[in-house]
Amino acid sequence: MANLTPNLRGALFMIGSMAFFTLNDTAIKAVGASLPMFQVLFIRALISVVLLGVVVIWLGQHRLHMPRRDLGLIAARSVMDVASVYFFFNALFNMPLASLSAILQTLPLTVTLAGALFLGEPVGWRRMAAILIGFVGVLLIIKPGADSFNVYSVYGLATVIVVTARDIFARKISGSAPTFIVALANAVAILGFAALAIPFSPWQPVDAQQYGLITLAAGLIVVAYFCSVATMRIGEIAFVTPFRYTSLLFALLLGFLFFDELPDIWTLIGSVIVVATGLFTLLREARLKRQQRTNA
């Protein structure tokens, strides 16, 4: 790997990040069939807090002093992350993995739209058209009015909305804030949320296999965070970001292997539309930034 260019190494880390995040989703979905959602969420968050805490201490990031503004933004981002996990887990336990993953691929589109609406970032007619076409792809995936459309499809869409808000807060956090500190704050917030919900959800006995799957999921999350951090520090964002769409391929493969899920033709067509419009938006944004640097 040492002989590869920084962009290629960044792309490999991005692919690894998507693989580990999707493997985490697979493990959680597998154990979610036999345990209450909040119980799974609590155990995974507890293990994640311990693992991330060890990483933060090992890197010495716990001794850093961050501006009050960053602390407020991290807190706001954590609240959004709690909401996103609630919607995502509900959808994950009740939807095909590939369908949910395809819906989440609209994030580059929704973040671009939110950046224009709330941060004043310029969005031309081409990218706006791509966003609208991408939303048509989402409609093909969730198929409103069809028998397969239910409240969990709405939870998938809600996940996109809340994660978009989370990412807008993240954009305002200064670059000096360590990523693992942000991740730890999120894990602590999710742990507290799950702990509050536990009394209202019956606690069931957990066997060794279930503990193993949840522990595996927590470990995969930490590795995925590491890969995502390495991605942005090694490669150019414009080059490595399109590789995030490999998560859809991983979701299709893992959904078939572990849950015998085969998406229908409309889901596949919608997924292609969402990925194509997302790639266009990312590449168009990168091109405009290069032009701005050239003209400066």
C-alpha atoms as a PDB file:
ATOM      1  CA  MET A   1       0.000   0.000   0.000  1.00  0.00           C
ATOM      2  CA  ALA A   2       3.004   2.260   0.513  1.00  0.00           C
ATOM      3  CA  ASN A   3       3.552   2.333  -3.280  1.00  0.00           C
ATOM      4  CA  LEU A   4       0.046   3.635  -3.978  1.00  0.00           C
ATOM      5  CA  THR A   5      -0.707   7.306  -4.547  1.00  0.00           C
ATOM      6  CA  PRO A   6      -2.433   9.196  -1.718  1.00  0.00           C
ATOM      7  CA  ASN A   7      -5.687   9.302  -3.716  1.00  0.00           C
ATOM      8  CA  LEU A   8      -5.701   5.541  -4.277  1.00  0.00           C
ATOM      9  CA  ARG A   9      -4.965   4.908  -0.604  1.00  0.00           C
ATOM     10  CA  GLY A  10      -7.751   7.314   0.318  1.00  0.00           C
ATOM     11  CA  ALA A  11     -10.120   5.478  -2.028  1.00  0.00           C
ATOM     12  CA  LEU A  12      -9.227   2.131  -0.417  1.00  0.00           C
ATOM     13  CA  PHE A  13      -9.883   3.583   3.033  1.00  0.00           C
ATOM     14  CA  MET A  14     -13.246   4.929   1.811  1.00  0.00           C
ATOM     15  CA  ILE A  15     -14.203   1.512   0.439  1.00  0.00           C
ATOM     16  CA  GLY A  16     -13.077  -0.060   3.713  1.00  0.00           C
ATOM     17  CA  SER A  17     -15.122   2.451   5.684  1.00  0.00           C
ATOM     18  CA  MET A  18     -18.252   1.644   3.667  1.00  0.00           C
ATOM     19  CA  ALA A  19     -17.612  -2.098   4.040  1.00  0.00           C
ATOM     20  CA  PHE A  20     -17.219  -1.883   7.823  1.00  0.00           C
ATOM     21  CA  PHE A  21     -20.269   0.364   8.265  1.00  0.00           C
ATOM     22  CA  THR A  22     -22.374  -2.050   6.185  1.00  0.00           C
ATOM     23  CA  LEU A  23     -21.020  -5.073   8.059  1.00  0.00           C
ATOM     24  CA  ASN A  24     -22.004  -3.297  11.293  1.00  0.00           C
ATOM     25  CA  ASP A  25     -25.523  -2.822   9.932  1.00  0.00           C
ATOM     26  CA  THR A  26     -25.644  -6.506   8.978  1.00  0.00           C
ATOM     27  CA  ALA A  27     -24.615  -7.658  12.458  1.00  0.00           C
ATOM     28  CA  ILE A  28     -27.138  -5.340  14.118  1.00  0.00           C
ATOM     29  CA  LYS A  29     -29.929  -6.423  11.776  1.00  0.00           C
ATOM     30  CA  ALA A  30     -29.129 -10.086  12.514  1.00  0.00           C
ATOM     31  CA  VAL A  31     -29.344  -9.668  16.288  1.00  0.00           C
ATOM     32  CA  GLY A  32     -32.295  -7.267  16.061  1.00  0.00           C
ATOM     33  CA  ALA A  33     -34.550 -10.127  15.015  1.00  0.00           C
ATOM     34  CA  SER A  34     -34.351 -11.618  18.514  1.00  0.00           C
ATOM     35  CA  LEU A  35     -33.749  -8.692  20.895  1.00  0.00           C
ATOM     36  CA  PRO A  36     -35.598  -5.398  21.548  1.00  0.00           C
ATOM     37  CA  MET A  37     -34.207  -2.440  19.641  1.00  0.00           C
ATOM     38  CA  PHE A  38     -33.292  -0.321  22.671  1.00  0.00           C
ATOM     39  CA  GLN A  39     -31.532  -3.235  24.334  1.00  0.00           C
ATOM     40  CA  VAL A  40     -29.369  -3.756  21.251  1.00  0.00           C
ATOM     41  CA  LEU A  41     -28.766  -0.010  21.015  1.00  0.00           C
ATOM     42  CA  PHE A  42     -27.770   0.223  24.690  1.00  0.00           C
ATOM     43  CA  ILE A  43     -25.301  -2.672  24.578  1.00  0.00           C
ATOM     44  CA  ARG A  44     -23.677  -1.517  21.334  1.00  0.00           C
ATOM     45  CA  ALA A  45     -23.415   2.080  22.571  1.00  0.00           C
ATOM     46  CA  LEU A  46     -21.859   0.947  25.865  1.00  0.00           C
ATOM     47  CA  ILE A  47     -19.198  -1.083  24.069  1.00  0.00           C
ATOM     48  CA  SER A  48     -18.628   1.750  21.571  1.00  0.00           C
ATOM     49  CA  VAL A  49     -18.107   4.273  24.384  1.00  0.00           C
ATOM     50  CA  VAL A  50     -15.483   2.032  25.974  1.00  0.00           C
ATOM     51  CA  LEU A  51     -13.668   1.393  22.677  1.00  0.00           C
ATOM     52  CA  LEU A  52     -13.784   5.021  21.540  1.00  0.00           C
ATOM     53  CA  GLY A  53     -12.740   6.191  25.018  1.00  0.00           C
ATOM     54  CA  VAL A  54      -9.655   3.980  24.812  1.00  0.00           C
ATOM     55  CA  VAL A  55      -8.828   5.397  21.361  1.00  0.00           C
ATOM     56  CA  VAL A  56      -9.285   9.009  22.532  1.00  0.00           C
ATOM     57  CA  ILE A  57      -7.049   8.460  25.581  1.00  0.00           C
ATOM     58  CA  TRP A  58      -4.472   6.562  23.508  1.00  0.00           C
ATOM     59  CA  LEU A  59      -4.284   9.480  21.043  1.00  0.00           C
ATOM     60  CA  GLY A  60      -4.164  12.006  23.887  1.00  0.00           C
ATOM     61  CA  GLN A  61      -7.191  13.840  22.535  1.00  0.00           C
ATOM     62  CA  HIS A  62      -8.873  13.971  25.959  1.00  0.00           C
ATOM     63  CA  ARG A  63      -6.370  16.652  26.994  1.00  0.00           C
ATOM     64  CA  LEU A  64      -7.332  19.005  24.184  1.00  0.00           C
ATOM     65  CA  HIS A  65      -9.303  22.166  24.965  1.00  0.00           C
ATOM     66  CA  MET A  66     -11.932  23.000  22.375  1.00  0.00           C
ATOM     67  CA  PRO A  67     -13.762  26.321  21.862  1.00  0.00           C
ATOM     68  CA  ARG A  68     -17.196  26.621  23.442  1.00  0.00           C
ATOM     69  CA  ARG A  69     -18.699  27.074  19.978  1.00  0.00           C
ATOM     70  CA  ASP A  70     -17.365  23.678  18.888  1.00  0.00           C
ATOM     71  CA  LEU A  71     -18.696  22.053  22.048  1.00  0.00           C
ATOM     72  CA  GLY A  72     -22.150  23.448  21.327  1.00  0.00           C
ATOM     73  CA  LEU A  73     -22.046  22.254  17.726  1.00  0.00           C
ATOM     74  CA  ILE A  74     -20.855  18.805  18.811  1.00  0.00           C
ATOM     75  CA  ALA A  75     -23.751  18.642  21.281  1.00  0.00           C
ATOM     76  CA  ALA A  76     -26.242  19.654  18.580  1.00  0.00           C
ATOM     77  CA  ARG A  77     -24.736  17.106  16.181  1.00  0.00           C
ATOM     78  CA  SER A  78     -25.033  14.425  18.865  1.00  0.00           C
ATOM     79  CA  VAL A  79     -28.733  15.183  19.342  1.00  0.00           C
ATOM     80  CA  MET A  80     -29.250  14.757  15.603  1.00  0.00           C
ATOM     81  CA  ASP A  81     -27.272  11.524  15.711  1.00  0.00           C
ATOM     82  CA  VAL A  82     -29.514  10.150  18.457  1.00  0.00           C
ATOM     83  CA  ALA A  83     -32.575  10.897  16.328  1.00  0.00           C
ATOM     84  CA  SER A  84     -30.950   9.369  13.249  1.00  0.00           C
ATOM     85  CA  VAL A  85     -30.064   6.172  15.114  1.00  0.00           C
ATOM     86  CA  TYR A  86     -33.656   5.837  16.349  1.00  0.00           C
ATOM     87  CA  PHE A  87     -35.093   6.162  12.840  1.00  0.00           C
ATOM     88  CA  PHE A  88     -32.324   4.103  11.261  1.00  0.00           C
ATOM     89  CA  PHE A  89     -32.635   1.163  13.686  1.00  0.00           C
ATOM     90  CA  ASN A  90     -36.402   1.040  13.212  1.00  0.00           C
ATOM     91  CA  ALA A  91     -35.956   0.984   9.447  1.00  0.00           C
ATOM     92  CA  LEU A  92     -33.018  -1.442   9.552  1.00  0.00           C
ATOM     93  CA  PHE A  93     -34.941  -4.050  11.568  1.00  0.00           C
ATOM     94  CA  ASN A  94     -37.932  -3.902   9.210  1.00  0.00           C
ATOM     95  CA  MET A  95     -36.617  -3.107   5.705  1.00  0.00           C
ATOM     96  CA  PRO A  96     -34.366  -4.890   3.206  1.00  0.00           C
ATOM     97  CA  LEU A  97     -30.774  -3.799   3.819  1.00  0.00           C
ATOM     98  CA  ALA A  98     -30.194  -2.783   0.189  1.00  0.00           C
ATOM     99  CA  SER A  99     -33.376  -0.678   0.024  1.00  0.00           C
ATOM    100  CA  LEU A 100     -32.431   1.269   3.147  1.00  0.00           C
ATOM    101  CA  SER A 101     -28.864   1.694   1.896  1.00  0.00           C
ATOM    102  CA  ALA A 102     -30.169   3.001  -1.427  1.00  0.00           C
ATOM    103  CA  ILE A 103     -32.309   5.610   0.326  1.00  0.00           C
ATOM    104  CA  LEU A 104     -29.288   6.738   2.342  1.00  0.00           C
ATOM    105  CA  GLN A 105     -27.326   7.283  -0.886  1.00  0.00           C
ATOM    106  CA  THR A 106     -29.350  10.477  -1.358  1.00  0.00           C
ATOM    107  CA  LEU A 107     -27.311  12.144   1.396  1.00  0.00           C
ATOM    108  CA  PRO A 108     -24.928  13.959  -1.004  1.00  0.00           C
ATOM    109  CA  LEU A 109     -28.025  15.379  -2.695  1.00  0.00           C
ATOM    110  CA  THR A 110     -29.807  16.436   0.491  1.00  0.00           C
ATOM    111  CA  VAL A 111     -26.627  17.866   2.044  1.00  0.00           C
ATOM    112  CA  THR A 112     -26.026  19.909  -1.119  1.00  0.00           C
ATOM    113  CA  LEU A 113     -29.617  21.181  -1.014  1.00  0.00           C
ATOM    114  CA  ALA A 114     -29.399  21.974   2.710  1.00  0.00           C
ATOM    115  CA  GLY A 115     -26.081  23.765   2.163  1.00  0.00           C
ATOM    116  CA  ALA A 116     -27.795  26.009  -0.371  1.00  0.00           C
ATOM    117  CA  LEU A 117     -30.812  26.673   1.859  1.00  0.00           C
ATOM    118  CA  PHE A 118     -29.094  27.162   5.224  1.00  0.00           C
ATOM    119  CA  LEU A 119     -25.437  27.954   4.530  1.00  0.00           C
ATOM    120  CA  GLY A 120     -25.828  30.047   1.397  1.00  0.00           C
ATOM    121  CA  GLU A 121     -23.708  27.704  -0.715  1.00  0.00           C
ATOM    122  CA  PRO A 122     -24.257  28.225  -4.468  1.00  0.00           C
ATOM    123  CA  VAL A 123     -26.147  25.491  -6.334  1.00  0.00           C
ATOM    124  CA  GLY A 124     -26.662  25.903 -10.077  1.00  0.00           C
ATOM    125  CA  TRP A 125     -29.584  24.635 -12.117  1.00  0.00           C
ATOM    126  CA  ARG A 126     -27.720  21.498 -13.190  1.00  0.00           C
ATOM    127  CA  ARG A 127     -27.137  20.296  -9.634  1.00  0.00           C
ATOM    128  CA  MET A 128     -30.654  21.322  -8.625  1.00  0.00           C
ATOM    129  CA  ALA A 129     -32.036  19.246 -11.518  1.00  0.00           C
ATOM    130  CA  ALA A 130     -29.868  16.320 -10.406  1.00  0.00           C
ATOM    131  CA  ILE A 131     -31.272  16.628  -6.874  1.00  0.00           C
ATOM    132  CA  LEU A 132     -34.857  16.543  -8.164  1.00  0.00           C
ATOM    133  CA  ILE A 133     -34.132  13.544 -10.395  1.00  0.00           C
ATOM    134  CA  GLY A 134     -32.469  11.813  -7.457  1.00  0.00           C
ATOM    135  CA  PHE A 135     -35.634  12.234  -5.409  1.00  0.00           C
ATOM    136  CA  VAL A 136     -37.565  10.546  -8.231  1.00  0.00           C
ATOM    137  CA  GLY A 137     -35.200   7.618  -7.760  1.00  0.00           C
ATOM    138  CA  VAL A 138     -36.084   7.525  -4.067  1.00  0.00           C
ATOM    139  CA  LEU A 139     -39.785   7.364  -4.940  1.00  0.00           C
ATOM    140  CA  LEU A 140     -39.070   4.328  -7.127  1.00  0.00           C
ATOM    141  CA  ILE A 141     -37.305   2.687  -4.174  1.00  0.00           C
ATOM    142  CA  ILE A 142     -39.949   3.302  -1.510  1.00  0.00           C
ATOM    143  CA  LYS A 143     -42.913   3.015  -3.953  1.00  0.00           C
ATOM    144  CA  PRO A 144     -45.547   5.092  -2.114  1.00  0.00           C
ATOM    145  CA  GLY A 145     -48.986   3.585  -2.544  1.00  0.00           C
ATOM    146  CA  ALA A 146     -47.632   0.082  -3.135  1.00  0.00           C
ATOM    147  CA  ASP A 147     -48.084  -2.786  -0.683  1.00  0.00           C
ATOM    148  CA  SER A 148     -44.398  -2.639   0.264  1.00  0.00           C
ATOM    149  CA  PHE A 149     -44.700   0.990   1.423  1.00  0.00           C
ATOM    150  CA  ASN A 150     -45.103   1.319   5.195  1.00  0.00           C
ATOM    151  CA  VAL A 151     -44.066   3.439   8.158  1.00  0.00           C
ATOM    152  CA  TYR A 152     -40.540   2.008   8.045  1.00  0.00           C
ATOM    153  CA  SER A 153     -40.068   3.500   4.584  1.00  0.00           C
ATOM    154  CA  VAL A 154     -40.907   6.843   6.209  1.00  0.00           C
ATOM    155  CA  TYR A 155     -38.341   6.088   8.931  1.00  0.00           C
ATOM    156  CA  GLY A 156     -35.739   5.593   6.188  1.00  0.00           C
ATOM    157  CA  LEU A 157     -36.591   9.005   4.740  1.00  0.00           C
ATOM    158  CA  ALA A 158     -36.567  10.539   8.240  1.00  0.00           C
ATOM    159  CA  THR A 159     -33.053   9.134   8.710  1.00  0.00           C
ATOM    160  CA  VAL A 160     -31.902  11.032   5.619  1.00  0.00           C
ATOM    161  CA  ILE A 161     -33.452  14.294   6.854  1.00  0.00           C
ATOM    162  CA  VAL A 162     -31.939  14.033  10.338  1.00  0.00           C
ATOM    163  CA  VAL A 163     -28.500  12.935   9.076  1.00  0.00           C
ATOM    164  CA  THR A 164     -28.553  15.908   6.700  1.00  0.00           C
ATOM    165  CA  ALA A 165     -29.136  18.224   9.671  1.00  0.00           C
ATOM    166  CA  ARG A 166     -26.358  16.400  11.546  1.00  0.00           C
ATOM    167  CA  ASP A 167     -23.941  16.948   8.665  1.00  0.00           C
ATOM    168  CA  ILE A 168     -24.823  20.634   8.448  1.00  0.00           C
ATOM    169  CA  PHE A 169     -23.839  21.000  12.118  1.00  0.00           C
ATOM    170  CA  ALA A 170     -20.679  18.992  11.390  1.00  0.00           C
ATOM    171  CA  ARG A 171     -19.704  21.407   8.603  1.00  0.00           C
ATOM    172  CA  LYS A 172     -19.666  24.249  11.121  1.00  0.00           C
ATOM    173  CA  ILE A 173     -17.349  22.451  13.558  1.00  0.00           C
ATOM    174  CA  SER A 174     -13.778  23.740  13.224  1.00  0.00           C
ATOM    175  CA  GLY A 175     -11.154  21.493  11.690  1.00  0.00           C
ATOM    176  CA  SER A 176      -9.246  21.428  14.980  1.00  0.00           C
ATOM    177  CA  ALA A 177     -11.946  19.302  16.660  1.00  0.00           C
ATOM    178  CA  PRO A 178     -10.735  15.651  16.630  1.00  0.00           C
ATOM    179  CA  THR A 179     -13.049  13.272  14.796  1.00  0.00           C
ATOM    180  CA  PHE A 180     -12.836  10.628  17.510  1.00  0.00           C
ATOM    181  CA  ILE A 181     -13.928  13.176  20.139  1.00  0.00           C
ATOM    182  CA  VAL A 182     -16.999  13.898  18.004  1.00  0.00           C
ATOM    183  CA  ALA A 183     -17.630  10.156  17.599  1.00  0.00           C
ATOM    184  CA  LEU A 184     -17.268   9.599  21.358  1.00  0.00           C
ATOM    185  CA  ALA A 185     -19.736  12.399  22.108  1.00  0.00           C
ATOM    186  CA  ASN A 186     -22.215  10.766  19.728  1.00  0.00           C
ATOM    187  CA  ALA A 187     -21.769   7.365  21.375  1.00  0.00           C
ATOM    188  CA  VAL A 188     -22.274   8.849  24.860  1.00  0.00           C
ATOM    189  CA  ALA A 189     -25.455  10.639  23.714  1.00  0.00           C
ATOM    190  CA  ILE A 190     -26.831   7.420  22.174  1.00  0.00           C
ATOM    191  CA  LEU A 191     -25.962   5.482  25.334  1.00  0.00           C
ATOM    192  CA  GLY A 192     -27.854   8.002  27.466  1.00  0.00           C
ATOM    193  CA  PHE A 193     -30.865   7.915  25.143  1.00  0.00           C
ATOM    194  CA  ALA A 194     -30.978   4.109  25.161  1.00  0.00           C
ATOM    195  CA  ALA A 195     -30.570   4.028  28.946  1.00  0.00           C
ATOM    196  CA  LEU A 196     -33.614   6.294  29.348  1.00  0.00           C
ATOM    197  CA  ALA A 197     -35.655   4.047  27.057  1.00  0.00           C
ATOM    198  CA  ILE A 198     -34.608   0.730  28.638  1.00  0.00           C
ATOM    199  CA  PRO A 199     -37.172   0.887  31.538  1.00  0.00           C
ATOM    200  CA  PHE A 200     -39.985   1.079  28.971  1.00  0.00           C
ATOM    201  CA  SER A 201     -38.729  -1.908  26.988  1.00  0.00           C
ATOM    202  CA  PRO A 202     -38.538  -5.437  28.427  1.00  0.00           C
ATOM    203  CA  TRP A 203     -34.969  -6.677  28.942  1.00  0.00           C
ATOM    204  CA  GLN A 204     -34.419 -10.119  27.491  1.00  0.00           C
ATOM    205  CA  PRO A 205     -31.633 -12.617  28.246  1.00  0.00           C
ATOM    206  CA  VAL A 206     -28.695 -12.250  25.868  1.00  0.00           C
ATOM    207  CA  ASP A 207     -26.785 -15.355  24.815  1.00  0.00           C
ATOM    208  CA  ALA A 208     -23.128 -15.570  23.782  1.00  0.00           C
ATOM    209  CA  GLN A 209     -23.878 -15.376  20.062  1.00  0.00           C
ATOM    210  CA  GLN A 210     -25.954 -12.217  20.477  1.00  0.00           C
ATOM    211  CA  TYR A 211     -23.281 -10.580  22.636  1.00  0.00           C
ATOM    212  CA  GLY A 212     -20.743 -11.586  20.031  1.00  0.00           C
ATOM    213  CA  LEU A 213     -22.704  -9.955  17.198  1.00  0.00           C
ATOM    214  CA  ILE A 214     -23.244  -6.724  19.138  1.00  0.00           C
ATOM    215  CA  THR A 215     -19.585  -6.585  20.188  1.00  0.00           C
ATOM    216  CA  LEU A 216     -18.579  -7.227  16.589  1.00  0.00           C
ATOM    217  CA  ALA A 217     -20.843  -4.373  15.464  1.00  0.00           C
ATOM    218  CA  ALA A 218     -19.296  -1.986  18.009  1.00  0.00           C
ATOM    219  CA  GLY A 219     -15.791  -2.944  16.912  1.00  0.00           C
ATOM    220  CA  LEU A 220     -16.709  -2.511  13.257  1.00  0.00           C
ATOM    221  CA  ILE A 221     -18.021   0.991  13.975  1.00  0.00           C
ATOM    222  CA  VAL A 222     -14.688   2.029  15.515  1.00  0.00           C
ATOM    223  CA  VAL A 223     -12.732   0.602  12.564  1.00  0.00           C
ATOM    224  CA  ALA A 224     -15.133   2.312  10.143  1.00  0.00           C
ATOM    225  CA  TYR A 225     -14.556   5.652  11.890  1.00  0.00           C
ATOM    226  CA  PHE A 226     -10.796   5.128  11.654  1.00  0.00           C
ATOM    227  CA  CYS A 227     -11.056   4.429   7.926  1.00  0.00           C
ATOM    228  CA  SER A 228     -13.286   7.458   7.358  1.00  0.00           C
ATOM    229  CA  VAL A 229     -10.806   9.710   9.200  1.00  0.00           C
ATOM    230  CA  ALA A 230      -7.877   8.285   7.204  1.00  0.00           C
ATOM    231  CA  THR A 231      -9.832   8.797   3.981  1.00  0.00           C
ATOM    232  CA  MET A 232     -10.204  12.532   4.449  1.00  0.00           C
ATOM    233  CA  ARG A 233      -6.636  13.012   5.668  1.00  0.00           C
ATOM    234  CA  ILE A 234      -4.955  11.066   2.859  1.00  0.00           C
ATOM    235  CA  GLY A 235      -6.901  11.562  -0.372  1.00  0.00           C
ATOM    236  CA  GLU A 236      -8.517  14.503  -2.117  1.00  0.00           C
ATOM    237  CA  ILE A 237     -12.171  14.738  -1.124  1.00  0.00           C
ATOM    238  CA  ALA A 238     -13.322  15.119  -4.739  1.00  0.00           C
ATOM    239  CA  PHE A 239     -11.515  11.897  -5.701  1.00  0.00           C
ATOM    240  CA  VAL A 240     -12.396   9.648  -2.764  1.00  0.00           C
ATOM    241  CA  THR A 241     -16.006  10.702  -2.013  1.00  0.00           C
ATOM    242  CA  PRO A 242     -17.617   8.903  -5.003  1.00  0.00           C
ATOM    243  CA  PHE A 243     -16.315   5.626  -3.606  1.00  0.00           C
ATOM    244  CA  ARG A 244     -18.846   5.926  -0.788  1.00  0.00           C
ATOM    245  CA  TYR A 245     -21.401   4.441  -3.178  1.00  0.00           C
ATOM    246  CA  THR A 246     -19.690   1.067  -2.801  1.00  0.00           C
ATOM    247  CA  SER A 247     -21.792   0.749   0.366  1.00  0.00           C
ATOM    248  CA  LEU A 248     -24.787  -0.013  -1.854  1.00  0.00           C
ATOM    249  CA  LEU A 249     -22.927  -2.908  -3.472  1.00  0.00           C
ATOM    250  CA  PHE A 250     -21.969  -4.243  -0.043  1.00  0.00           C
ATOM    251  CA  ALA A 251     -25.590  -3.909   1.120  1.00  0.00           C
ATOM    252  CA  LEU A 252     -26.876  -5.802  -1.924  1.00  0.00           C
ATOM    253  CA  LEU A 253     -24.376  -8.627  -1.389  1.00  0.00           C
ATOM    254  CA  LEU A 254     -24.780  -8.921   2.393  1.00  0.00           C
ATOM    255  CA  GLY A 255     -28.563  -8.616   2.215  1.00  0.00           C
ATOM    256  CA  PHE A 256     -28.657 -11.536  -0.207  1.00  0.00           C
ATOM    257  CA  LEU A 257     -26.125 -13.692   1.665  1.00  0.00           C
ATOM    258  CA  PHE A 258     -27.480 -13.278   5.197  1.00  0.00           C
ATOM    259  CA  PHE A 259     -31.159 -12.341   4.822  1.00  0.00           C
ATOM    260  CA  ASP A 260     -32.064 -13.795   1.412  1.00  0.00           C
ATOM    261  CA  GLU A 261     -33.129 -10.321   0.252  1.00  0.00           C
ATOM    262  CA  LEU A 262     -33.417  -9.646  -3.463  1.00  0.00           C
ATOM    263  CA  PRO A 263     -34.471  -6.094  -4.461  1.00  0.00           C
ATOM    264  CA  ASP A 264     -37.107  -5.772  -7.165  1.00  0.00           C
ATOM    265  CA  ILE A 265     -36.492  -4.119 -10.517  1.00  0.00           C
ATOM    266  CA  TRP A 266     -37.896  -0.738  -9.411  1.00  0.00           C
ATOM    267  CA  THR A 267     -35.585  -0.635  -6.397  1.00  0.00           C
ATOM    268  CA  LEU A 268     -32.617  -1.371  -8.669  1.00  0.00           C
ATOM    269  CA  ILE A 269     -33.656   1.315 -11.180  1.00  0.00           C
ATOM    270  CA  GLY A 270     -34.200   3.821  -8.367  1.00  0.00           C
ATOM    271  CA  SER A 271     -30.796   2.946  -6.892  1.00  0.00           C
ATOM    272  CA  VAL A 272     -29.075   3.547 -10.233  1.00  0.00           C
ATOM    273  CA  ILE A 273     -30.800   6.939 -10.556  1.00  0.00           C
ATOM    274  CA  VAL A 274     -29.849   7.968  -7.007  1.00  0.00           C
ATOM    275  CA  VAL A 275     -26.203   6.926  -7.440  1.00  0.00           C
ATOM    276  CA  ALA A 276     -25.919   8.547 -10.886  1.00  0.00           C
ATOM    277  CA  THR A 277     -27.356  11.881  -9.732  1.00  0.00           C
ATOM    278  CA  GLY A 278     -25.236  11.765  -6.576  1.00  0.00           C
ATOM    279  CA  LEU A 279     -22.072  11.179  -8.595  1.00  0.00           C
ATOM    280  CA  PHE A 280     -23.012  14.010 -10.963  1.00  0.00           C
ATOM    281  CA  THR A 281     -23.544  16.365  -8.013  1.00  0.00           C
ATOM    282  CA  LEU A 282     -20.207  15.459  -6.428  1.00  0.00           C
ATOM    283  CA  LEU A 283     -18.247  15.729  -9.690  1.00  0.00           C
ATOM    284  CA  ARG A 284     -19.969  18.988 -10.635  1.00  0.00           C
ATOM    285  CA  GLU A 285     -19.119  20.484  -7.240  1.00  0.00           C
ATOM    286  CA  ALA A 286     -15.483  19.388  -7.573  1.00  0.00           C
ATOM    287  CA  ARG A 287     -15.282  20.945 -11.057  1.00  0.00           C
ATOM    288  CA  LEU A 288     -16.684  24.257  -9.856  1.00  0.00           C
ATOM    289  CA  LYS A 289     -14.193  24.365  -6.983  1.00  0.00           C
ATOM    290  CA  ARG A 290     -11.307  23.768  -9.396  1.00  0.00           C
ATOM    291  CA  GLN A 291     -12.573  26.621 -11.573  1.00  0.00           C
ATOM    292  CA  GLN A 292     -12.786  28.921  -8.556  1.00  0.00           C
ATOM    293  CA  ARG A 293      -9.187  28.128  -7.602  1.00  0.00           C
ATOM    294  CA  THR A 294      -8.060  28.735 -11.188  1.00  0.00           C
ATOM    295  CA  ASN A 295      -9.829  32.094 -11.358  1.00  0.00           C
ATOM    296  CA  ALA A 296      -8.582  33.231  -7.939  1.00  0.00           C
END
